[in-house]
PDB file of N, CA and C in Angstrom:
ATOM      1  N   UNK A   1       0.839  -1.171   0.000  1.00  0.00           N
ATOM      2  CA  UNK A   1       0.000   0.000   0.000  1.00  0.00           C
ATOM      3  C   UNK A   1       0.890   1.242   0.000  1.00  0.00           C
ATOM      4  N   UNK A   2       0.572   2.170  -0.867  1.00  0.00           N
ATOM      5  CA  UNK A   2       1.350   3.401  -0.980  1.00  0.00           C
ATOM      6  C   UNK A   2       0.927   4.413   0.093  1.00  0.00           C
ATOM      7  N   UNK A   3       1.803   5.355   0.364  1.00  0.00           N
ATOM      8  CA  UNK A   3       1.491   6.415   1.329  1.00  0.00           C
ATOM      9  C   UNK A   3       0.269   7.206   0.866  1.00  0.00           C
ATOM     10  N   UNK A   4       0.166   7.439  -0.433  1.00  0.00           N
ATOM     11  CA  UNK A   4      -0.995   8.187  -0.944  1.00  0.00           C
ATOM     12  C   UNK A   4      -2.292   7.414  -0.698  1.00  0.00           C
ATOM     13  N   UNK A   5      -2.247   6.083  -0.790  1.00  0.00           N
ATOM     14  CA  UNK A   5      -3.428   5.260  -0.508  1.00  0.00           C
ATOM     15  C   UNK A   5      -3.830   5.394   0.960  1.00  0.00           C
ATOM     16  N   UNK A   6      -2.847   5.373   1.841  1.00  0.00           N
ATOM     17  CA  UNK A   6      -3.111   5.519   3.270  1.00  0.00           C
ATOM     18  C   UNK A   6      -3.697   6.894   3.558  1.00  0.00           C
ATOM     19  N   UNK A   7      -3.152   7.916   2.933  1.00  0.00           N
ATOM     20  CA  UNK A   7      -3.656   9.277   3.133  1.00  0.00           C
ATOM     21  C   UNK A   7      -5.102   9.394   2.661  1.00  0.00           C
ATOM     22  N   UNK A   8      -5.407   8.810   1.509  1.00  0.00           N
ATOM     23  CA  UNK A   8      -6.784   8.842   1.000  1.00  0.00           C
ATOM     24  C   UNK A   8      -7.735   8.119   1.936  1.00  0.00           C
ATOM     25  N   UNK A   9      -7.319   6.983   2.469  1.00  0.00           N
ATOM     26  CA  UNK A   9      -8.155   6.253   3.423  1.00  0.00           C
ATOM     27  C   UNK A   9      -8.438   7.098   4.654  1.00  0.00           C
ATOM     28  N   UNK A  10      -7.423   7.768   5.161  1.00  0.00           N
ATOM     29  CA  UNK A  10      -7.607   8.606   6.349  1.00  0.00           C
ATOM     30  C   UNK A  10      -8.561   9.767   6.074  1.00  0.00           C
ATOM     31  N   UNK A  11      -8.389  10.432   4.957  1.00  0.00           N
ATOM     32  CA  UNK A  11      -9.259  11.559   4.614  1.00  0.00           C
ATOM     33  C   UNK A  11     -10.696  11.082   4.467  1.00  0.00           C
ATOM     34  N   UNK A  12     -10.901   9.991   3.752  1.00  0.00           N
ATOM     35  CA  UNK A  12     -12.251   9.463   3.559  1.00  0.00           C
ATOM     36  C   UNK A  12     -12.849   8.977   4.869  1.00  0.00           C
ATOM     37  N   UNK A  13     -12.040   8.389   5.715  1.00  0.00           N
ATOM     38  CA  UNK A  13     -12.516   7.893   7.002  1.00  0.00           C
ATOM     39  C   UNK A  13     -12.982   9.052   7.881  1.00  0.00           C
ATOM     40  N   UNK A  14     -12.280  10.138   7.847  1.00  0.00           N
ATOM     41  CA  UNK A  14     -12.657  11.298   8.658  1.00  0.00           C
ATOM     42  C   UNK A  14     -13.964  11.905   8.146  1.00  0.00           C
ATOM     43  N   UNK A  15     -14.149  11.961   6.835  1.00  0.00           N
ATOM     44  CA  UNK A  15     -15.354  12.560   6.259  1.00  0.00           C
ATOM     45  C   UNK A  15     -16.603  11.727   6.536  1.00  0.00           C
ATOM     46  N   UNK A  16     -16.529  10.427   6.341  1.00  0.00           N
ATOM     47  CA  UNK A  16     -17.710   9.563   6.451  1.00  0.00           C
ATOM     48  C   UNK A  16     -17.242   8.152   6.821  1.00  0.00           C
ATOM     49  N   UNK A  17     -16.921   7.919   8.082  1.00  0.00           N
ATOM     50  CA  UNK A  17     -16.223   6.700   8.458  1.00  0.00           C
ATOM     51  C   UNK A  17     -17.043   5.415   8.515  1.00  0.00           C
ATOM     52  N   UNK A  18     -18.327   5.514   8.800  1.00  0.00           N
ATOM     53  CA  UNK A  18     -19.075   4.290   9.082  1.00  0.00           C
ATOM     54  C   UNK A  18     -20.119   3.975   8.017  1.00  0.00           C
ATOM     55  N   UNK A  19     -20.403   2.700   7.904  1.00  0.00           N
ATOM     56  CA  UNK A  19     -21.470   2.250   7.010  1.00  0.00           C
ATOM     57  C   UNK A  19     -22.808   2.504   7.689  1.00  0.00           C
ATOM     58  N   UNK A  20     -23.850   2.542   6.898  1.00  0.00           N
ATOM     59  CA  UNK A  20     -25.202   2.632   7.461  1.00  0.00           C
ATOM     60  C   UNK A  20     -25.563   1.259   8.031  1.00  0.00           C
ATOM     61  N   UNK A  21     -26.625   1.209   8.791  1.00  0.00           N
ATOM     62  CA  UNK A  21     -27.087  -0.068   9.347  1.00  0.00           C
ATOM     63  C   UNK A  21     -27.414  -1.048   8.223  1.00  0.00           C
ATOM     64  N   UNK A  22     -28.043  -0.554   7.174  1.00  0.00           N
ATOM     65  CA  UNK A  22     -28.394  -1.402   6.026  1.00  0.00           C
ATOM     66  C   UNK A  22     -27.131  -1.952   5.340  1.00  0.00           C
ATOM     67  N   UNK A  23     -26.147  -1.078   5.113  1.00  0.00           N
ATOM     68  CA  UNK A  23     -24.897  -1.513   4.470  1.00  0.00           C
ATOM     69  C   UNK A  23     -24.164  -2.535   5.338  1.00  0.00           C
ATOM     70  N   UNK A  24     -24.137  -2.280   6.644  1.00  0.00           N
ATOM     71  CA  UNK A  24     -23.482  -3.220   7.558  1.00  0.00           C
ATOM     72  C   UNK A  24     -24.179  -4.580   7.522  1.00  0.00           C
ATOM     73  N   UNK A  25     -25.502  -4.586   7.582  1.00  0.00           N
ATOM     74  CA  UNK A  25     -26.234  -5.854   7.561  1.00  0.00           C
ATOM     75  C   UNK A  25     -25.971  -6.617   6.270  1.00  0.00           C
ATOM     76  N   UNK A  26     -25.926  -5.904   5.161  1.00  0.00           N
ATOM     77  CA  UNK A  26     -25.643  -6.545   3.876  1.00  0.00           C
ATOM     78  C   UNK A  26     -24.248  -7.179   3.892  1.00  0.00           C
ATOM     79  N   UNK A  27     -23.262  -6.450   4.400  1.00  0.00           N
ATOM     80  CA  UNK A  27     -21.906  -6.996   4.494  1.00  0.00           C
ATOM     81  C   UNK A  27     -21.875  -8.226   5.404  1.00  0.00           C
ATOM     82  N   UNK A  28     -22.520  -8.117   6.560  1.00  0.00           N
ATOM     83  CA  UNK A  28     -22.494  -9.226   7.517  1.00  0.00           C
ATOM     84  C   UNK A  28     -23.193 -10.459   6.952  1.00  0.00           C
ATOM     85  N   UNK A  29     -24.298 -10.267   6.248  1.00  0.00           N
ATOM     86  CA  UNK A  29     -24.991 -11.397   5.622  1.00  0.00           C
ATOM     87  C   UNK A  29     -24.117 -12.081   4.580  1.00  0.00           C
ATOM     88  N   UNK A  30     -23.357 -11.286   3.828  1.00  0.00           N
ATOM     89  CA  UNK A  30     -22.436 -11.855   2.835  1.00  0.00           C
ATOM     90  C   UNK A  30     -21.369 -12.690   3.553  1.00  0.00           C
ATOM     91  N   UNK A  31     -20.846 -12.153   4.653  1.00  0.00           N
ATOM     92  CA  UNK A  31     -19.822 -12.877   5.416  1.00  0.00           C
ATOM     93  C   UNK A  31     -20.369 -14.190   5.982  1.00  0.00           C
ATOM     94  N   UNK A  32     -21.597 -14.135   6.509  1.00  0.00           N
ATOM     95  CA  UNK A  32     -22.187 -15.344   7.106  1.00  0.00           C
ATOM     96  C   UNK A  32     -22.321 -16.475   6.087  1.00  0.00           C
ATOM     97  N   UNK A  33     -22.490 -16.135   4.822  1.00  0.00           N
ATOM     98  CA  UNK A  33     -22.630 -17.144   3.771  1.00  0.00           C
ATOM     99  C   UNK A  33     -21.282 -17.637   3.239  1.00  0.00           C
ATOM    100  N   UNK A  34     -20.207 -17.007   3.664  1.00  0.00           N
ATOM    101  CA  UNK A  34     -18.865 -17.329   3.162  1.00  0.00           C
ATOM    102  C   UNK A  34     -18.255 -18.489   3.966  1.00  0.00           C
ATOM    103  N   UNK A  35     -17.525 -19.383   3.315  1.00  0.00           N
ATOM    104  CA  UNK A  35     -16.880 -20.487   4.033  1.00  0.00           C
ATOM    105  C   UNK A  35     -15.740 -20.032   4.955  1.00  0.00           C
ATOM    106  N   UNK A  36     -15.287 -18.785   4.833  1.00  0.00           N
ATOM    107  CA  UNK A  36     -14.209 -18.270   5.689  1.00  0.00           C
ATOM    108  C   UNK A  36     -14.738 -17.671   6.998  1.00  0.00           C
ATOM    109  N   UNK A  37     -16.050 -17.628   7.171  1.00  0.00           N
ATOM    110  CA  UNK A  37     -16.698 -17.048   8.352  1.00  0.00           C
ATOM    111  C   UNK A  37     -16.487 -17.970   9.548  1.00  0.00           C
ATOM    112  N   UNK A  38     -15.953 -17.430  10.635  1.00  0.00           N
ATOM    113  CA  UNK A  38     -15.684 -18.215  11.846  1.00  0.00           C
ATOM    114  C   UNK A  38     -16.158 -17.478  13.082  1.00  0.00           C
ATOM    115  N   UNK A  39     -16.421 -18.222  14.147  1.00  0.00           N
ATOM    116  CA  UNK A  39     -16.818 -17.643  15.431  1.00  0.00           C
ATOM    117  C   UNK A  39     -15.674 -17.815  16.412  1.00  0.00           C
ATOM    118  N   UNK A  40     -15.346 -16.747  17.147  1.00  0.00           N
ATOM    119  CA  UNK A  40     -14.349 -16.845  18.201  1.00  0.00           C
ATOM    120  C   UNK A  40     -14.894 -17.723  19.320  1.00  0.00           C
ATOM    121  N   UNK A  41     -14.076 -18.583  19.861  1.00  0.00           N
ATOM    122  CA  UNK A  41     -14.484 -19.382  21.014  1.00  0.00           C
ATOM    123  C   UNK A  41     -14.718 -18.450  22.201  1.00  0.00           C
ATOM    124  N   UNK A  42     -15.765 -18.709  22.943  1.00  0.00           N
ATOM    125  CA  UNK A  42     -16.105 -17.979  24.173  1.00  0.00           C
ATOM    126  C   UNK A  42     -16.481 -16.519  23.959  1.00  0.00           C
ATOM    127  N   UNK A  43     -16.694 -16.089  22.719  1.00  0.00           N
ATOM    128  CA  UNK A  43     -17.100 -14.710  22.439  1.00  0.00           C
ATOM    129  C   UNK A  43     -18.239 -14.722  21.437  1.00  0.00           C
ATOM    130  N   UNK A  44     -19.045 -13.692  21.475  1.00  0.00           N
ATOM    131  CA  UNK A  44     -20.139 -13.573  20.513  1.00  0.00           C
ATOM    132  C   UNK A  44     -19.712 -12.682  19.353  1.00  0.00           C
ATOM    133  N   UNK A  45     -18.527 -12.947  18.829  1.00  0.00           N
ATOM    134  CA  UNK A  45     -17.988 -12.203  17.695  1.00  0.00           C
ATOM    135  C   UNK A  45     -17.481 -13.195  16.659  1.00  0.00           C
ATOM    136  N   UNK A  46     -17.307 -12.682  15.458  1.00  0.00           N
ATOM    137  CA  UNK A  46     -16.908 -13.530  14.332  1.00  0.00           C
ATOM    138  C   UNK A  46     -15.701 -12.927  13.628  1.00  0.00           C
ATOM    139  N   UNK A  47     -14.983 -13.780  12.925  1.00  0.00           N
ATOM    140  CA  UNK A  47     -13.822 -13.289  12.181  1.00  0.00           C
ATOM    141  C   UNK A  47     -13.750 -13.957  10.823  1.00  0.00           C
ATOM    142  N   UNK A  48     -12.980 -13.345   9.957  1.00  0.00           N
ATOM    143  CA  UNK A  48     -12.738 -13.880   8.620  1.00  0.00           C
ATOM    144  C   UNK A  48     -11.459 -14.704   8.675  1.00  0.00           C
ATOM    145  N   UNK A  49     -11.544 -15.931   8.265  1.00  0.00           N
ATOM    146  CA  UNK A  49     -10.369 -16.801   8.276  1.00  0.00           C
ATOM    147  C   UNK A  49      -9.365 -16.422   7.186  1.00  0.00           C
ATOM    148  N   UNK A  50      -9.783 -15.635   6.205  1.00  0.00           N
ATOM    149  CA  UNK A  50      -8.891 -15.207   5.135  1.00  0.00           C
ATOM    150  C   UNK A  50      -7.998 -14.042   5.586  1.00  0.00           C
ATOM    151  N   UNK A  51      -8.600 -13.005   6.181  1.00  0.00           N
ATOM    152  CA  UNK A  51      -7.815 -11.826   6.572  1.00  0.00           C
ATOM    153  C   UNK A  51      -7.688 -11.674   8.092  1.00  0.00           C
ATOM    154  N   UNK A  52      -8.356 -12.540   8.852  1.00  0.00           N
ATOM    155  CA  UNK A  52      -8.326 -12.535  10.325  1.00  0.00           C
ATOM    156  C   UNK A  52      -8.921 -11.285  10.955  1.00  0.00           C
ATOM    157  N   UNK A  53      -9.791 -10.598  10.244  1.00  0.00           N
ATOM    158  CA  UNK A  53     -10.424  -9.408  10.811  1.00  0.00           C
ATOM    159  C   UNK A  53     -11.631  -9.802  11.658  1.00  0.00           C
ATOM    160  N   UNK A  54     -11.984  -8.924  12.573  1.00  0.00           N
ATOM    161  CA  UNK A  54     -13.233  -9.075  13.330  1.00  0.00           C
ATOM    162  C   UNK A  54     -14.329  -8.485  12.457  1.00  0.00           C
ATOM    163  N   UNK A  55     -15.238  -9.326  12.034  1.00  0.00           N
ATOM    164  CA  UNK A  55     -16.240  -8.916  11.052  1.00  0.00           C
ATOM    165  C   UNK A  55     -17.149  -7.813  11.586  1.00  0.00           C
ATOM    166  N   UNK A  56     -17.511  -7.875  12.851  1.00  0.00           N
ATOM    167  CA  UNK A  56     -18.382  -6.856  13.423  1.00  0.00           C
ATOM    168  C   UNK A  56     -17.729  -5.468  13.414  1.00  0.00           C
ATOM    169  N   UNK A  57     -16.418  -5.410  13.412  1.00  0.00           N
ATOM    170  CA  UNK A  57     -15.707  -4.130  13.337  1.00  0.00           C
ATOM    171  C   UNK A  57     -15.429  -3.732  11.891  1.00  0.00           C
ATOM    172  N   UNK A  58     -14.849  -4.643  11.137  1.00  0.00           N
ATOM    173  CA  UNK A  58     -14.479  -4.320   9.763  1.00  0.00           C
ATOM    174  C   UNK A  58     -15.698  -3.988   8.908  1.00  0.00           C
ATOM    175  N   UNK A  59     -16.803  -4.668   9.160  1.00  0.00           N
ATOM    176  CA  UNK A  59     -18.016  -4.409   8.397  1.00  0.00           C
ATOM    177  C   UNK A  59     -18.609  -3.042   8.631  1.00  0.00           C
ATOM    178  N   UNK A  60     -18.263  -2.403   9.747  1.00  0.00           N
ATOM    179  CA  UNK A  60     -18.784  -1.083  10.094  1.00  0.00           C
ATOM    180  C   UNK A  60     -18.012   0.064   9.449  1.00  0.00           C
ATOM    181  N   UNK A  61     -16.766  -0.185   9.059  1.00  0.00           N
ATOM    182  CA  UNK A  61     -15.933   0.892   8.506  1.00  0.00           C
ATOM    183  C   UNK A  61     -16.104   0.925   6.992  1.00  0.00           C
ATOM    184  N   UNK A  62     -16.604   2.036   6.525  1.00  0.00           N
ATOM    185  CA  UNK A  62     -16.985   2.198   5.121  1.00  0.00           C
ATOM    186  C   UNK A  62     -15.880   1.828   4.128  1.00  0.00           C
ATOM    187  N   UNK A  63     -14.649   2.218   4.395  1.00  0.00           N
ATOM    188  CA  UNK A  63     -13.604   2.055   3.382  1.00  0.00           C
ATOM    189  C   UNK A  63     -12.789   0.776   3.518  1.00  0.00           C
ATOM    190  N   UNK A  64     -13.193  -0.121   4.417  1.00  0.00           N
ATOM    191  CA  UNK A  64     -12.559  -1.438   4.457  1.00  0.00           C
ATOM    192  C   UNK A  64     -13.195  -2.304   3.384  1.00  0.00           C
ATOM    193  N   UNK A  65     -12.423  -3.239   2.890  1.00  0.00           N
ATOM    194  CA  UNK A  65     -12.904  -4.099   1.810  1.00  0.00           C
ATOM    195  C   UNK A  65     -12.768  -5.562   2.189  1.00  0.00           C
ATOM    196  N   UNK A  66     -13.587  -6.373   1.594  1.00  0.00           N
ATOM    197  CA  UNK A  66     -13.498  -7.822   1.762  1.00  0.00           C
ATOM    198  C   UNK A  66     -12.279  -8.314   0.971  1.00  0.00           C
ATOM    199  N   UNK A  67     -11.444  -9.179   1.571  1.00  0.00           N
ATOM    200  CA  UNK A  67     -10.266  -9.655   0.849  1.00  0.00           C
ATOM    201  C   UNK A  67     -10.618 -10.518  -0.364  1.00  0.00           C
ATOM    202  N   UNK A  68     -11.859 -11.002  -0.403  1.00  0.00           N
ATOM    203  CA  UNK A  68     -12.298 -11.805  -1.544  1.00  0.00           C
ATOM    204  C   UNK A  68     -13.213 -11.018  -2.483  1.00  0.00           C
ATOM    205  N   UNK A  69     -13.284  -9.711  -2.261  1.00  0.00           N
ATOM    206  CA  UNK A  69     -14.089  -8.804  -3.095  1.00  0.00           C
ATOM    207  C   UNK A  69     -15.566  -9.201  -3.172  1.00  0.00           C
ATOM    208  N   UNK A  70     -16.108  -9.652  -2.055  1.00  0.00           N
ATOM    209  CA  UNK A  70     -17.508 -10.068  -2.028  1.00  0.00           C
ATOM    210  C   UNK A  70     -18.458  -8.945  -1.621  1.00  0.00           C
ATOM    211  N   UNK A  71     -17.948  -7.919  -0.939  1.00  0.00           N
ATOM    212  CA  UNK A  71     -18.812  -6.816  -0.517  1.00  0.00           C
ATOM    213  C   UNK A  71     -19.065  -5.882  -1.684  1.00  0.00           C
ATOM    214  N   UNK A  72     -20.277  -5.331  -1.769  1.00  0.00           N
ATOM    215  CA  UNK A  72     -20.539  -4.354  -2.827  1.00  0.00           C
ATOM    216  C   UNK A  72     -19.743  -3.071  -2.581  1.00  0.00           C
ATOM    217  N   UNK A  73     -19.410  -2.393  -3.641  1.00  0.00           N
ATOM    218  CA  UNK A  73     -18.668  -1.140  -3.537  1.00  0.00           C
ATOM    219  C   UNK A  73     -19.602  -0.053  -2.999  1.00  0.00           C
ATOM    220  N   UNK A  74     -19.102   0.726  -2.045  1.00  0.00           N
ATOM    221  CA  UNK A  74     -19.876   1.830  -1.475  1.00  0.00           C
ATOM    222  C   UNK A  74     -19.373   3.132  -2.065  1.00  0.00           C
ATOM    223  N   UNK A  75     -20.280   4.086  -2.250  1.00  0.00           N
ATOM    224  CA  UNK A  75     -19.893   5.401  -2.782  1.00  0.00           C
ATOM    225  C   UNK A  75     -19.122   6.188  -1.771  1.00  0.00           C
TER     226      UNK A  75
END
């Protein structure tokens, strides 16, 4: 990742950092149908076995992307 990419992510994150409830639900539903979807033991949270992210967190941030390009692109 280039420095300019990181700078763009930061600027966009500051302007409009979070997904809407509808966008988040759509992302989470896509993850639940994916074979990489896993549940942490002893926690009510889930992670992606491909990128090891916590889905409940990553799905909320507008400019994060699915490593398998399964999430729809957001404006």
